[in-house]
Amino acid sequence: MSPEVGGDAGPPVDRSPRWRIPFWALQVLELGVAFLLVTQSVHVGHGGLLVAAGIVFALLALTADGPLGVLRVCGQRLHVLVVAGLAIGCAALAFVPALRPDAEGLLVIVCAVVAVVYLATRTVTGSGRSGRRSRRTAHGPVIDVTATEVPSPSTGAQRPAGADAGADDPHSVLRKAGRATGAAAVVGKRVVDDHRPQVEDQVKRTLRGAGRLAGRLAGPKTPPADPPA
Protein backbone atom coordinates (compact mmCIF):
# COMPACT_ATOMS: atom_id res chain seq x y z
CA MET A 1 0.00 0.00 0.00
CA SER A 2 1.51 3.29 -1.07
CA PRO A 3 1.96 6.06 1.51
CA GLU A 4 -0.55 8.88 1.45
CA VAL A 5 0.44 12.00 -0.39
CA GLY A 6 0.82 14.98 1.92
CA GLY A 7 1.07 12.83 5.04
CA ASP A 8 3.16 13.65 8.08
CA ALA A 9 6.83 13.33 7.15
CA GLY A 10 7.97 13.27 10.78
CA PRO A 11 10.04 15.79 12.74
CA PRO A 12 12.88 17.50 10.87
CA VAL A 13 16.35 16.12 11.41
CA ASP A 14 18.75 18.51 13.12
CA ARG A 15 22.00 18.31 11.21
CA SER A 16 23.72 21.12 13.13
CA PRO A 17 26.77 20.35 15.31
CA ARG A 18 26.06 18.94 18.73
CA TRP A 19 27.66 21.83 20.58
CA ARG A 20 28.25 25.44 19.68
CA ILE A 21 30.27 28.29 21.18
CA PRO A 22 29.37 31.99 21.29
CA PHE A 23 31.16 34.46 19.08
CA TRP A 24 33.00 36.13 21.96
CA ALA A 25 34.63 32.77 22.78
CA LEU A 26 36.13 32.69 19.29
CA GLN A 27 37.49 36.19 19.80
CA VAL A 28 39.04 35.17 23.11
CA LEU A 29 40.62 32.16 21.39
CA GLU A 30 42.07 34.35 18.64
CA LEU A 31 43.62 36.74 21.16
CA GLY A 32 45.01 33.82 23.14
CA VAL A 33 46.48 32.24 20.00
CA ALA A 34 48.00 35.59 19.02
CA PHE A 35 49.63 35.93 22.44
CA LEU A 36 50.92 32.34 22.27
CA LEU A 37 52.42 32.76 18.82
CA VAL A 38 54.15 36.04 19.63
CA THR A 39 55.59 34.79 22.92
CA GLN A 40 56.77 31.49 21.45
CA SER A 41 58.40 33.16 18.46
CA VAL A 42 61.39 34.20 20.61
CA HIS A 43 62.05 30.59 21.59
CA VAL A 44 62.09 29.06 18.11
CA GLY A 45 64.24 29.53 15.07
CA HIS A 46 62.88 31.58 12.17
CA GLY A 47 59.90 32.77 14.19
CA GLY A 48 58.91 35.59 11.85
CA LEU A 49 55.89 33.67 10.57
CA LEU A 50 54.65 33.16 14.14
CA VAL A 51 54.85 36.89 14.83
CA ALA A 52 53.02 37.76 11.62
CA ALA A 53 50.30 35.17 12.29
CA GLY A 54 49.83 36.41 15.86
CA ILE A 55 49.44 40.02 14.70
CA VAL A 56 46.90 38.95 12.06
CA PHE A 57 44.81 36.97 14.55
CA ALA A 58 44.83 39.85 17.04
CA LEU A 59 43.75 42.35 14.39
CA LEU A 60 40.96 40.08 13.21
CA ALA A 61 39.65 39.64 16.76
CA LEU A 62 39.67 43.38 17.46
CA THR A 63 38.00 44.35 14.16
CA ALA A 64 35.17 41.82 14.34
CA ASP A 65 31.61 42.91 15.02
CA GLY A 66 31.46 41.18 18.39
CA PRO A 67 31.57 41.91 22.12
CA LEU A 68 35.38 42.19 22.13
CA GLY A 69 35.68 44.14 18.92
CA VAL A 70 37.16 47.63 18.99
CA LEU A 71 36.57 48.83 15.42
CA ARG A 72 33.84 46.31 14.47
CA VAL A 73 34.21 46.64 10.73
CA CYS A 74 33.81 42.96 9.85
CA GLY A 75 30.58 41.01 10.27
CA GLN A 76 30.53 37.83 12.29
CA ARG A 77 29.90 35.40 9.44
CA LEU A 78 32.51 37.04 7.24
CA HIS A 79 34.91 37.07 10.17
CA VAL A 80 34.57 33.31 10.65
CA LEU A 81 35.29 32.68 6.97
CA VAL A 82 38.28 35.05 6.93
CA VAL A 83 39.77 33.57 10.10
CA ALA A 84 39.45 30.02 8.83
CA GLY A 85 40.97 30.93 5.46
CA LEU A 86 43.90 32.85 6.94
CA ALA A 87 44.58 30.08 9.46
CA ILE A 88 44.80 27.53 6.66
CA GLY A 89 47.01 29.93 4.70
CA CYS A 90 49.39 30.32 7.67
CA ALA A 91 49.62 26.54 7.98
CA ALA A 92 50.50 26.30 4.28
CA LEU A 93 53.12 29.07 4.54
CA ALA A 94 54.72 27.25 7.45
CA PHE A 95 55.95 24.57 5.02
CA VAL A 96 57.54 27.05 2.62
CA PRO A 97 61.35 26.65 2.97
CA ALA A 98 61.96 30.41 3.17
CA LEU A 99 59.40 30.90 5.97
CA ARG A 100 59.44 27.52 7.69
CA PRO A 101 60.36 27.67 11.40
CA ASP A 102 62.07 24.87 13.26
CA ALA A 103 60.25 21.76 14.46
CA GLU A 104 58.99 23.36 17.68
CA GLY A 105 57.66 26.45 15.89
CA LEU A 106 56.03 24.30 13.22
CA LEU A 107 54.24 22.28 15.90
CA VAL A 108 53.01 25.44 17.65
CA ILE A 109 51.60 27.06 14.54
CA VAL A 110 49.94 23.86 13.30
CA CYS A 111 48.23 23.25 16.66
CA ALA A 112 47.07 26.88 16.80
CA VAL A 113 45.67 26.70 13.26
CA VAL A 114 43.82 23.45 13.94
CA ALA A 115 42.25 24.89 17.11
CA VAL A 116 41.16 28.09 15.37
CA VAL A 117 39.66 26.33 12.34
CA TYR A 118 37.89 23.69 14.43
CA LEU A 119 36.27 26.19 16.80
CA ALA A 120 35.43 28.59 13.98
CA THR A 121 33.19 25.90 12.51
CA ARG A 122 31.38 25.60 15.88
CA THR A 123 30.81 29.33 16.40
CA VAL A 124 27.32 30.78 16.53
CA THR A 125 27.22 33.85 14.32
CA GLY A 126 24.66 36.64 14.33
CA SER A 127 23.96 39.61 12.17
CA GLY A 128 25.97 42.04 14.32
CA ARG A 129 24.89 45.45 15.58
CA SER A 130 22.47 46.16 12.74
CA GLY A 131 20.71 42.85 13.31
CA ARG A 132 20.44 43.49 17.05
CA ARG A 133 19.05 46.95 16.36
CA SER A 134 16.47 45.60 13.91
CA ARG A 135 15.47 42.85 16.35
CA ARG A 136 14.98 45.42 19.11
CA THR A 137 12.83 47.50 16.75
CA ALA A 138 10.83 44.52 15.54
CA HIS A 139 10.22 43.10 19.00
CA GLY A 140 9.60 46.41 20.75
CA PRO A 141 6.73 46.88 23.18
CA VAL A 142 3.25 47.00 21.68
CA ILE A 143 0.73 49.36 23.26
CA ASP A 144 -2.88 48.30 23.06
CA VAL A 145 -4.87 51.50 22.87
CA THR A 146 -8.19 49.72 23.17
CA ALA A 147 -7.20 48.13 26.48
CA THR A 148 -6.39 51.47 28.10
CA GLU A 149 -9.13 52.64 30.36
CA VAL A 150 -9.68 56.38 30.74
CA PRO A 151 -11.74 57.24 33.81
CA SER A 152 -14.65 59.49 33.13
CA PRO A 153 -14.87 62.81 34.98
CA SER A 154 -18.05 61.77 36.76
CA THR A 155 -16.64 58.52 38.16
CA GLY A 156 -13.12 59.84 38.77
CA ALA A 157 -14.30 62.78 40.82
CA GLN A 158 -16.41 60.65 43.13
CA ARG A 159 -14.84 59.46 46.36
CA PRO A 160 -16.24 56.89 48.78
CA ALA A 161 -18.17 58.33 51.65
CA GLY A 162 -16.02 56.62 54.29
CA ALA A 163 -12.69 57.15 52.55
CA ASP A 164 -11.58 59.83 54.95
CA ALA A 165 -13.32 58.37 57.96
CA GLY A 166 -10.16 56.69 59.23
CA ALA A 167 -7.89 59.64 58.46
CA ASP A 168 -6.31 61.24 61.50
CA ASP A 169 -7.34 64.76 62.47
CA PRO A 170 -4.35 67.17 62.82
CA HIS A 171 -5.43 67.99 66.37
CA SER A 172 -5.56 64.32 67.32
CA VAL A 173 -2.08 63.79 65.86
CA LEU A 174 -0.72 66.65 67.94
CA ARG A 175 -2.37 65.27 71.07
CA LYS A 176 -0.85 61.83 70.44
CA ALA A 177 2.60 63.35 69.92
CA GLY A 178 2.28 65.36 73.14
CA ARG A 179 1.29 62.29 75.13
CA ALA A 180 4.20 60.30 73.72
CA THR A 181 6.66 63.09 74.56
CA GLY A 182 5.33 63.37 78.11
CA ALA A 183 5.58 59.63 78.65
CA ALA A 184 9.18 59.60 77.38
CA ALA A 185 10.08 62.47 79.74
CA VAL A 186 8.56 60.65 82.74
CA VAL A 187 10.45 57.46 81.93
CA GLY A 188 13.71 59.36 81.51
CA LYS A 189 13.29 61.16 84.84
CA ARG A 190 12.54 57.87 86.57
CA VAL A 191 15.68 56.27 85.16
CA VAL A 192 17.79 59.24 86.25
CA ASP A 193 16.33 59.14 89.78
CA ASP A 194 16.97 55.41 90.08
CA HIS A 195 20.63 55.59 89.05
CA ARG A 196 21.55 58.99 90.54
CA PRO A 197 23.23 57.62 93.76
CA GLN A 198 25.49 55.27 91.83
CA VAL A 199 26.45 57.98 89.33
CA GLU A 200 27.20 60.54 92.07
CA ASP A 201 29.29 58.04 94.02
CA GLN A 202 31.28 57.14 90.91
CA VAL A 203 31.90 60.82 90.10
CA LYS A 204 33.09 61.55 93.66
CA ARG A 205 35.50 58.62 93.64
CA THR A 206 36.86 59.68 90.26
CA LEU A 207 37.46 63.23 91.52
CA ARG A 208 39.19 61.99 94.71
CA GLY A 209 41.47 59.73 92.68
CA ALA A 210 42.34 62.56 90.31
CA GLY A 211 43.17 64.82 93.31
CA ARG A 212 45.50 62.23 94.82
CA LEU A 213 47.29 61.75 91.50
CA ALA A 214 47.72 65.51 91.08
CA GLY A 215 49.09 65.81 94.62
CA ARG A 216 51.65 63.11 93.99
CA LEU A 217 52.82 64.73 90.79
CA ALA A 218 53.02 68.24 92.28
CA GLY A 219 54.54 67.25 95.69
CA PRO A 220 58.25 67.57 96.51
CA LYS A 221 60.36 64.74 95.36
CA THR A 222 62.77 63.09 97.78
CA PRO A 223 66.41 63.58 96.77
CA PRO A 224 68.27 60.42 95.79
CA ALA A 225 70.27 58.81 98.58
CA ASP A 226 74.03 59.40 98.57
CA PRO A 227 76.01 56.41 97.33
CA PRO A 228 77.95 54.60 100.08
CA ALA A 229 81.54 55.66 100.49
C-alpha atoms as a PDB file:
ATOM      1  CA  MET A   1       0.000   0.000   0.000  1.00  0.00           C
ATOM      2  CA  SER A   2       1.506   3.293  -1.070  1.00  0.00           C
ATOM      3  CA  PRO A   3       1.957   6.059   1.513  1.00  0.00           C
ATOM      4  CA  GLU A   4      -0.552   8.877   1.452  1.00  0.00           C
ATOM      5  CA  VAL A   5       0.435  12.004  -0.387  1.00  0.00           C
ATOM      6  CA  GLY A   6       0.821  14.980   1.923  1.00  0.00           C
ATOM      7  CA  GLY A   7       1.071  12.835   5.041  1.00  0.00           C
ATOM      8  CA  ASP A   8       3.164  13.653   8.078  1.00  0.00           C
ATOM      9  CA  ALA A   9       6.833  13.333   7.146  1.00  0.00           C
ATOM     10  CA  GLY A  10       7.971  13.273  10.784  1.00  0.00           C
ATOM     11  CA  PRO A  11      10.036  15.788  12.738  1.00  0.00           C
ATOM     12  CA  PRO A  12      12.878  17.503  10.874  1.00  0.00           C
ATOM     13  CA  VAL A  13      16.354  16.122  11.415  1.00  0.00           C
ATOM     14  CA  ASP A  14      18.748  18.509  13.119  1.00  0.00           C
ATOM     15  CA  ARG A  15      22.003  18.306  11.208  1.00  0.00           C
ATOM     16  CA  SER A  16      23.719  21.118  13.133  1.00  0.00           C
ATOM     17  CA  PRO A  17      26.773  20.354  15.306  1.00  0.00           C
ATOM     18  CA  ARG A  18      26.064  18.936  18.732  1.00  0.00           C
ATOM     19  CA  TRP A  19      27.657  21.832  20.580  1.00  0.00           C
ATOM     20  CA  ARG A  20      28.246  25.436  19.684  1.00  0.00           C
ATOM     21  CA  ILE A  21      30.267  28.286  21.176  1.00  0.00           C
ATOM     22  CA  PRO A  22      29.371  31.995  21.293  1.00  0.00           C
ATOM     23  CA  PHE A  23      31.156  34.465  19.080  1.00  0.00           C
ATOM     24  CA  TRP A  24      33.003  36.130  21.956  1.00  0.00           C
ATOM     25  CA  ALA A  25      34.632  32.774  22.784  1.00  0.00           C
ATOM     26  CA  LEU A  26      36.133  32.686  19.290  1.00  0.00           C
ATOM     27  CA  GLN A  27      37.486  36.195  19.801  1.00  0.00           C
ATOM     28  CA  VAL A  28      39.041  35.171  23.111  1.00  0.00           C
ATOM     29  CA  LEU A  29      40.622  32.158  21.395  1.00  0.00           C
ATOM     30  CA  GLU A  30      42.073  34.346  18.643  1.00  0.00           C
ATOM     31  CA  LEU A  31      43.616  36.744  21.159  1.00  0.00           C
ATOM     32  CA  GLY A  32      45.014  33.822  23.144  1.00  0.00           C
ATOM     33  CA  VAL A  33      46.482  32.239  20.002  1.00  0.00           C
ATOM     34  CA  ALA A  34      47.999  35.591  19.015  1.00  0.00           C
ATOM     35  CA  PHE A  35      49.630  35.928  22.438  1.00  0.00           C
ATOM     36  CA  LEU A  36      50.920  32.344  22.266  1.00  0.00           C
ATOM     37  CA  LEU A  37      52.423  32.760  18.815  1.00  0.00           C
ATOM     38  CA  VAL A  38      54.153  36.040  19.625  1.00  0.00           C
ATOM     39  CA  THR A  39      55.590  34.785  22.924  1.00  0.00           C
ATOM     40  CA  GLN A  40      56.767  31.492  21.448  1.00  0.00           C
ATOM     41  CA  SER A  41      58.399  33.165  18.457  1.00  0.00           C
ATOM     42  CA  VAL A  42      61.394  34.200  20.607  1.00  0.00           C
ATOM     43  CA  HIS A  43      62.052  30.587  21.590  1.00  0.00           C
ATOM     44  CA  VAL A  44      62.087  29.062  18.113  1.00  0.00           C
ATOM     45  CA  GLY A  45      64.239  29.529  15.071  1.00  0.00           C
ATOM     46  CA  HIS A  46      62.879  31.578  12.175  1.00  0.00           C
ATOM     47  CA  GLY A  47      59.896  32.774  14.195  1.00  0.00           C
ATOM     48  CA  GLY A  48      58.913  35.585  11.853  1.00  0.00           C
ATOM     49  CA  LEU A  49      55.893  33.670  10.570  1.00  0.00           C
ATOM     50  CA  LEU A  50      54.649  33.162  14.135  1.00  0.00           C
ATOM     51  CA  VAL A  51      54.851  36.890  14.835  1.00  0.00           C
ATOM     52  CA  ALA A  52      53.016  37.762  11.624  1.00  0.00           C
ATOM     53  CA  ALA A  53      50.296  35.172  12.289  1.00  0.00           C
ATOM     54  CA  GLY A  54      49.834  36.412  15.860  1.00  0.00           C
ATOM     55  CA  ILE A  55      49.439  40.019  14.700  1.00  0.00           C
ATOM     56  CA  VAL A  56      46.900  38.952  12.061  1.00  0.00           C
ATOM     57  CA  PHE A  57      44.809  36.968  14.550  1.00  0.00           C
ATOM     58  CA  ALA A  58      44.832  39.849  17.036  1.00  0.00           C
ATOM     59  CA  LEU A  59      43.748  42.354  14.385  1.00  0.00           C
ATOM     60  CA  LEU A  60      40.960  40.078  13.205  1.00  0.00           C
ATOM     61  CA  ALA A  61      39.654  39.635  16.761  1.00  0.00           C
ATOM     62  CA  LEU A  62      39.671  43.383  17.458  1.00  0.00           C
ATOM     63  CA  THR A  63      38.005  44.355  14.161  1.00  0.00           C
ATOM     64  CA  ALA A  64      35.167  41.822  14.341  1.00  0.00           C
ATOM     65  CA  ASP A  65      31.606  42.908  15.024  1.00  0.00           C
ATOM     66  CA  GLY A  66      31.456  41.179  18.390  1.00  0.00           C
ATOM     67  CA  PRO A  67      31.568  41.912  22.123  1.00  0.00           C
ATOM     68  CA  LEU A  68      35.382  42.188  22.135  1.00  0.00           C
ATOM     69  CA  GLY A  69      35.679  44.135  18.916  1.00  0.00           C
ATOM     70  CA  VAL A  70      37.160  47.625  18.989  1.00  0.00           C
ATOM     71  CA  LEU A  71      36.569  48.829  15.422  1.00  0.00           C
ATOM     72  CA  ARG A  72      33.835  46.313  14.468  1.00  0.00           C
ATOM     73  CA  VAL A  73      34.208  46.643  10.731  1.00  0.00           C
ATOM     74  CA  CYS A  74      33.805  42.957   9.853  1.00  0.00           C
ATOM     75  CA  GLY A  75      30.585  41.005  10.267  1.00  0.00           C
ATOM     76  CA  GLN A  76      30.532  37.831  12.293  1.00  0.00           C
ATOM     77  CA  ARG A  77      29.896  35.403   9.441  1.00  0.00           C
ATOM     78  CA  LEU A  78      32.511  37.044   7.244  1.00  0.00           C
ATOM     79  CA  HIS A  79      34.908  37.068  10.173  1.00  0.00           C
ATOM     80  CA  VAL A  80      34.571  33.312  10.654  1.00  0.00           C
ATOM     81  CA  LEU A  81      35.294  32.677   6.968  1.00  0.00           C
ATOM     82  CA  VAL A  82      38.282  35.048   6.927  1.00  0.00           C
ATOM     83  CA  VAL A  83      39.766  33.573  10.101  1.00  0.00           C
ATOM     84  CA  ALA A  84      39.453  30.015   8.828  1.00  0.00           C
ATOM     85  CA  GLY A  85      40.969  30.926   5.457  1.00  0.00           C
ATOM     86  CA  LEU A  86      43.901  32.853   6.939  1.00  0.00           C
ATOM     87  CA  ALA A  87      44.575  30.083   9.456  1.00  0.00           C
ATOM     88  CA  ILE A  88      44.798  27.528   6.659  1.00  0.00           C
ATOM     89  CA  GLY A  89      47.013  29.933   4.705  1.00  0.00           C
ATOM     90  CA  CYS A  90      49.388  30.320   7.673  1.00  0.00           C
ATOM     91  CA  ALA A  91      49.619  26.537   7.975  1.00  0.00           C
ATOM     92  CA  ALA A  92      50.504  26.304   4.278  1.00  0.00           C
ATOM     93  CA  LEU A  93      53.122  29.068   4.542  1.00  0.00           C
ATOM     94  CA  ALA A  94      54.724  27.247   7.453  1.00  0.00           C
ATOM     95  CA  PHE A  95      55.953  24.573   5.018  1.00  0.00           C
ATOM     96  CA  VAL A  96      57.544  27.046   2.624  1.00  0.00           C
ATOM     97  CA  PRO A  97      61.353  26.650   2.973  1.00  0.00           C
ATOM     98  CA  ALA A  98      61.965  30.415   3.166  1.00  0.00           C
ATOM     99  CA  LEU A  99      59.400  30.900   5.973  1.00  0.00           C
ATOM    100  CA  ARG A 100      59.442  27.522   7.692  1.00  0.00           C
ATOM    101  CA  PRO A 101      60.357  27.666  11.403  1.00  0.00           C
ATOM    102  CA  ASP A 102      62.069  24.867  13.258  1.00  0.00           C
ATOM    103  CA  ALA A 103      60.248  21.761  14.460  1.00  0.00           C
ATOM    104  CA  GLU A 104      58.988  23.361  17.676  1.00  0.00           C
ATOM    105  CA  GLY A 105      57.663  26.450  15.892  1.00  0.00           C
ATOM    106  CA  LEU A 106      56.030  24.302  13.220  1.00  0.00           C
ATOM    107  CA  LEU A 107      54.238  22.283  15.898  1.00  0.00           C
ATOM    108  CA  VAL A 108      53.014  25.439  17.651  1.00  0.00           C
ATOM    109  CA  ILE A 109      51.602  27.056  14.539  1.00  0.00           C
ATOM    110  CA  VAL A 110      49.941  23.862  13.296  1.00  0.00           C
ATOM    111  CA  CYS A 111      48.235  23.254  16.656  1.00  0.00           C
ATOM    112  CA  ALA A 112      47.066  26.880  16.797  1.00  0.00           C
ATOM    113  CA  VAL A 113      45.669  26.705  13.265  1.00  0.00           C
ATOM    114  CA  VAL A 114      43.823  23.448  13.940  1.00  0.00           C
ATOM    115  CA  ALA A 115      42.253  24.894  17.114  1.00  0.00           C
ATOM    116  CA  VAL A 116      41.156  28.094  15.369  1.00  0.00           C
ATOM    117  CA  VAL A 117      39.663  26.327  12.337  1.00  0.00           C
ATOM    118  CA  TYR A 118      37.889  23.692  14.429  1.00  0.00           C
ATOM    119  CA  LEU A 119      36.272  26.188  16.804  1.00  0.00           C
ATOM    120  CA  ALA A 120      35.429  28.591  13.983  1.00  0.00           C
ATOM    121  CA  THR A 121      33.186  25.902  12.510  1.00  0.00           C
ATOM    122  CA  ARG A 122      31.382  25.601  15.881  1.00  0.00           C
ATOM    123  CA  THR A 123      30.807  29.329  16.405  1.00  0.00           C
ATOM    124  CA  VAL A 124      27.317  30.776  16.533  1.00  0.00           C
ATOM    125  CA  THR A 125      27.224  33.851  14.323  1.00  0.00           C
ATOM    126  CA  GLY A 126      24.659  36.635  14.331  1.00  0.00           C
ATOM    127  CA  SER A 127      23.965  39.609  12.174  1.00  0.00           C
ATOM    128  CA  GLY A 128      25.967  42.041  14.325  1.00  0.00           C
ATOM    129  CA  ARG A 129      24.887  45.452  15.578  1.00  0.00           C
ATOM    130  CA  SER A 130      22.473  46.156  12.744  1.00  0.00           C
ATOM    131  CA  GLY A 131      20.709  42.853  13.311  1.00  0.00           C
ATOM    132  CA  ARG A 132      20.440  43.490  17.049  1.00  0.00           C
ATOM    133  CA  ARG A 133      19.053  46.950  16.355  1.00  0.00           C
ATOM    134  CA  SER A 134      16.468  45.601  13.913  1.00  0.00           C
ATOM    135  CA  ARG A 135      15.472  42.853  16.347  1.00  0.00           C
ATOM    136  CA  ARG A 136      14.982  45.422  19.109  1.00  0.00           C
ATOM    137  CA  THR A 137      12.833  47.496  16.750  1.00  0.00           C
ATOM    138  CA  ALA A 138      10.831  44.522  15.538  1.00  0.00           C
ATOM    139  CA  HIS A 139      10.219  43.105  19.002  1.00  0.00           C
ATOM    140  CA  GLY A 140       9.595  46.405  20.755  1.00  0.00           C
ATOM    141  CA  PRO A 141       6.733  46.883  23.175  1.00  0.00           C
ATOM    142  CA  VAL A 142       3.252  46.999  21.675  1.00  0.00           C
ATOM    143  CA  ILE A 143       0.728  49.356  23.262  1.00  0.00           C
ATOM    144  CA  ASP A 144      -2.876  48.297  23.061  1.00  0.00           C
ATOM    145  CA  VAL A 145      -4.870  51.500  22.873  1.00  0.00           C
ATOM    146  CA  THR A 146      -8.194  49.720  23.169  1.00  0.00           C
ATOM    147  CA  ALA A 147      -7.200  48.128  26.477  1.00  0.00           C
ATOM    148  CA  THR A 148      -6.386  51.472  28.095  1.00  0.00           C
ATOM    149  CA  GLU A 149      -9.130  52.644  30.363  1.00  0.00           C
ATOM    150  CA  VAL A 150      -9.681  56.378  30.743  1.00  0.00           C
ATOM    151  CA  PRO A 151     -11.742  57.240  33.813  1.00  0.00           C
ATOM    152  CA  SER A 152     -14.646  59.489  33.132  1.00  0.00           C
ATOM    153  CA  PRO A 153     -14.872  62.814  34.984  1.00  0.00           C
ATOM    154  CA  SER A 154     -18.045  61.769  36.763  1.00  0.00           C
ATOM    155  CA  THR A 155     -16.641  58.521  38.164  1.00  0.00           C
ATOM    156  CA  GLY A 156     -13.121  59.840  38.767  1.00  0.00           C
ATOM    157  CA  ALA A 157     -14.299  62.779  40.817  1.00  0.00           C
ATOM    158  CA  GLN A 158     -16.406  60.649  43.132  1.00  0.00           C
ATOM    159  CA  ARG A 159     -14.836  59.457  46.355  1.00  0.00           C
ATOM    160  CA  PRO A 160     -16.241  56.894  48.778  1.00  0.00           C
ATOM    161  CA  ALA A 161     -18.171  58.332  51.651  1.00  0.00           C
ATOM    162  CA  GLY A 162     -16.019  56.617  54.292  1.00  0.00           C
ATOM    163  CA  ALA A 163     -12.686  57.149  52.547  1.00  0.00           C
ATOM    164  CA  ASP A 164     -11.581  59.829  54.952  1.00  0.00           C
ATOM    165  CA  ALA A 165     -13.323  58.374  57.957  1.00  0.00           C
ATOM    166  CA  GLY A 166     -10.159  56.689  59.234  1.00  0.00           C
ATOM    167  CA  ALA A 167      -7.890  59.643  58.458  1.00  0.00           C
ATOM    168  CA  ASP A 168      -6.306  61.244  61.496  1.00  0.00           C
ATOM    169  CA  ASP A 169      -7.338  64.756  62.468  1.00  0.00           C
ATOM    170  CA  PRO A 170      -4.348  67.166  62.824  1.00  0.00           C
ATOM    171  CA  HIS A 171      -5.429  67.990  66.365  1.00  0.00           C
ATOM    172  CA  SER A 172      -5.560  64.323  67.318  1.00  0.00           C
ATOM    173  CA  VAL A 173      -2.079  63.791  65.860  1.00  0.00           C
ATOM    174  CA  LEU A 174      -0.722  66.647  67.945  1.00  0.00           C
ATOM    175  CA  ARG A 175      -2.370  65.272  71.071  1.00  0.00           C
ATOM    176  CA  LYS A 176      -0.851  61.826  70.442  1.00  0.00           C
ATOM    177  CA  ALA A 177       2.603  63.347  69.919  1.00  0.00           C
ATOM    178  CA  GLY A 178       2.279  65.363  73.135  1.00  0.00           C
ATOM    179  CA  ARG A 179       1.293  62.294  75.132  1.00  0.00           C
ATOM    180  CA  ALA A 180       4.203  60.298  73.717  1.00  0.00           C
ATOM    181  CA  THR A 181       6.661  63.092  74.555  1.00  0.00           C
ATOM    182  CA  GLY A 182       5.330  63.372  78.108  1.00  0.00           C
ATOM    183  CA  ALA A 183       5.582  59.631  78.646  1.00  0.00           C
ATOM    184  CA  ALA A 184       9.176  59.603  77.384  1.00  0.00           C
ATOM    185  CA  ALA A 185      10.083  62.468  79.745  1.00  0.00           C
ATOM    186  CA  VAL A 186       8.564  60.651  82.737  1.00  0.00           C
ATOM    187  CA  VAL A 187      10.446  57.460  81.933  1.00  0.00           C
ATOM    188  CA  GLY A 188      13.714  59.362  81.510  1.00  0.00           C
ATOM    189  CA  LYS A 189      13.286  61.163  84.840  1.00  0.00           C
ATOM    190  CA  ARG A 190      12.536  57.865  86.565  1.00  0.00           C
ATOM    191  CA  VAL A 191      15.677  56.268  85.156  1.00  0.00           C
ATOM    192  CA  VAL A 192      17.794  59.240  86.251  1.00  0.00           C
ATOM    193  CA  ASP A 193      16.328  59.138  89.783  1.00  0.00           C
ATOM    194  CA  ASP A 194      16.969  55.411  90.084  1.00  0.00           C
ATOM    195  CA  HIS A 195      20.630  55.594  89.054  1.00  0.00           C
ATOM    196  CA  ARG A 196      21.546  58.987  90.539  1.00  0.00           C
ATOM    197  CA  PRO A 197      23.231  57.622  93.755  1.00  0.00           C
ATOM    198  CA  GLN A 198      25.488  55.268  91.825  1.00  0.00           C
ATOM    199  CA  VAL A 199      26.448  57.984  89.334  1.00  0.00           C
ATOM    200  CA  GLU A 200      27.204  60.544  92.074  1.00  0.00           C
ATOM    201  CA  ASP A 201      29.291  58.043  94.020  1.00  0.00           C
ATOM    202  CA  GLN A 202      31.283  57.144  90.914  1.00  0.00           C
ATOM    203  CA  VAL A 203      31.899  60.819  90.096  1.00  0.00           C
ATOM    204  CA  LYS A 204      33.090  61.548  93.660  1.00  0.00           C
ATOM    205  CA  ARG A 205      35.502  58.618  93.638  1.00  0.00           C
ATOM    206  CA  THR A 206      36.861  59.683  90.264  1.00  0.00           C
ATOM    207  CA  LEU A 207      37.455  63.229  91.515  1.00  0.00           C
ATOM    208  CA  ARG A 208      39.192  61.987  94.709  1.00  0.00           C
ATOM    209  CA  GLY A 209      41.468  59.729  92.682  1.00  0.00           C
ATOM    210  CA  ALA A 210      42.341  62.558  90.305  1.00  0.00           C
ATOM    211  CA  GLY A 211      43.173  64.819  93.307  1.00  0.00           C
ATOM    212  CA  ARG A 212      45.501  62.228  94.822  1.00  0.00           C
ATOM    213  CA  LEU A 213      47.291  61.754  91.505  1.00  0.00           C
ATOM    214  CA  ALA A 214      47.717  65.507  91.079  1.00  0.00           C
ATOM    215  CA  GLY A 215      49.091  65.810  94.624  1.00  0.00           C
ATOM    216  CA  ARG A 216      51.647  63.109  93.988  1.00  0.00           C
ATOM    217  CA  LEU A 217      52.820  64.733  90.792  1.00  0.00           C
ATOM    218  CA  ALA A 218      53.019  68.237  92.275  1.00  0.00           C
ATOM    219  CA  GLY A 219      54.543  67.254  95.685  1.00  0.00           C
ATOM    220  CA  PRO A 220      58.247  67.566  96.510  1.00  0.00           C
ATOM    221  CA  LYS A 221      60.358  64.737  95.356  1.00  0.00           C
ATOM    222  CA  THR A 222      62.772  63.088  97.779  1.00  0.00           C
ATOM    223  CA  PRO A 223      66.410  63.578  96.770  1.00  0.00           C
ATOM    224  CA  PRO A 224      68.266  60.424  95.793  1.00  0.00           C
ATOM    225  CA  ALA A 225      70.273  58.814  98.583  1.00  0.00           C
ATOM    226  CA  ASP A 226      74.030  59.402  98.570  1.00  0.00           C
ATOM    227  CA  PRO A 227      76.008  56.413  97.331  1.00  0.00           C
ATOM    228  CA  PRO A 228      77.950  54.603 100.084  1.00  0.00           C
ATOM    229  CA  ALA A 229      81.543  55.661 100.493  1.00  0.00           C
END
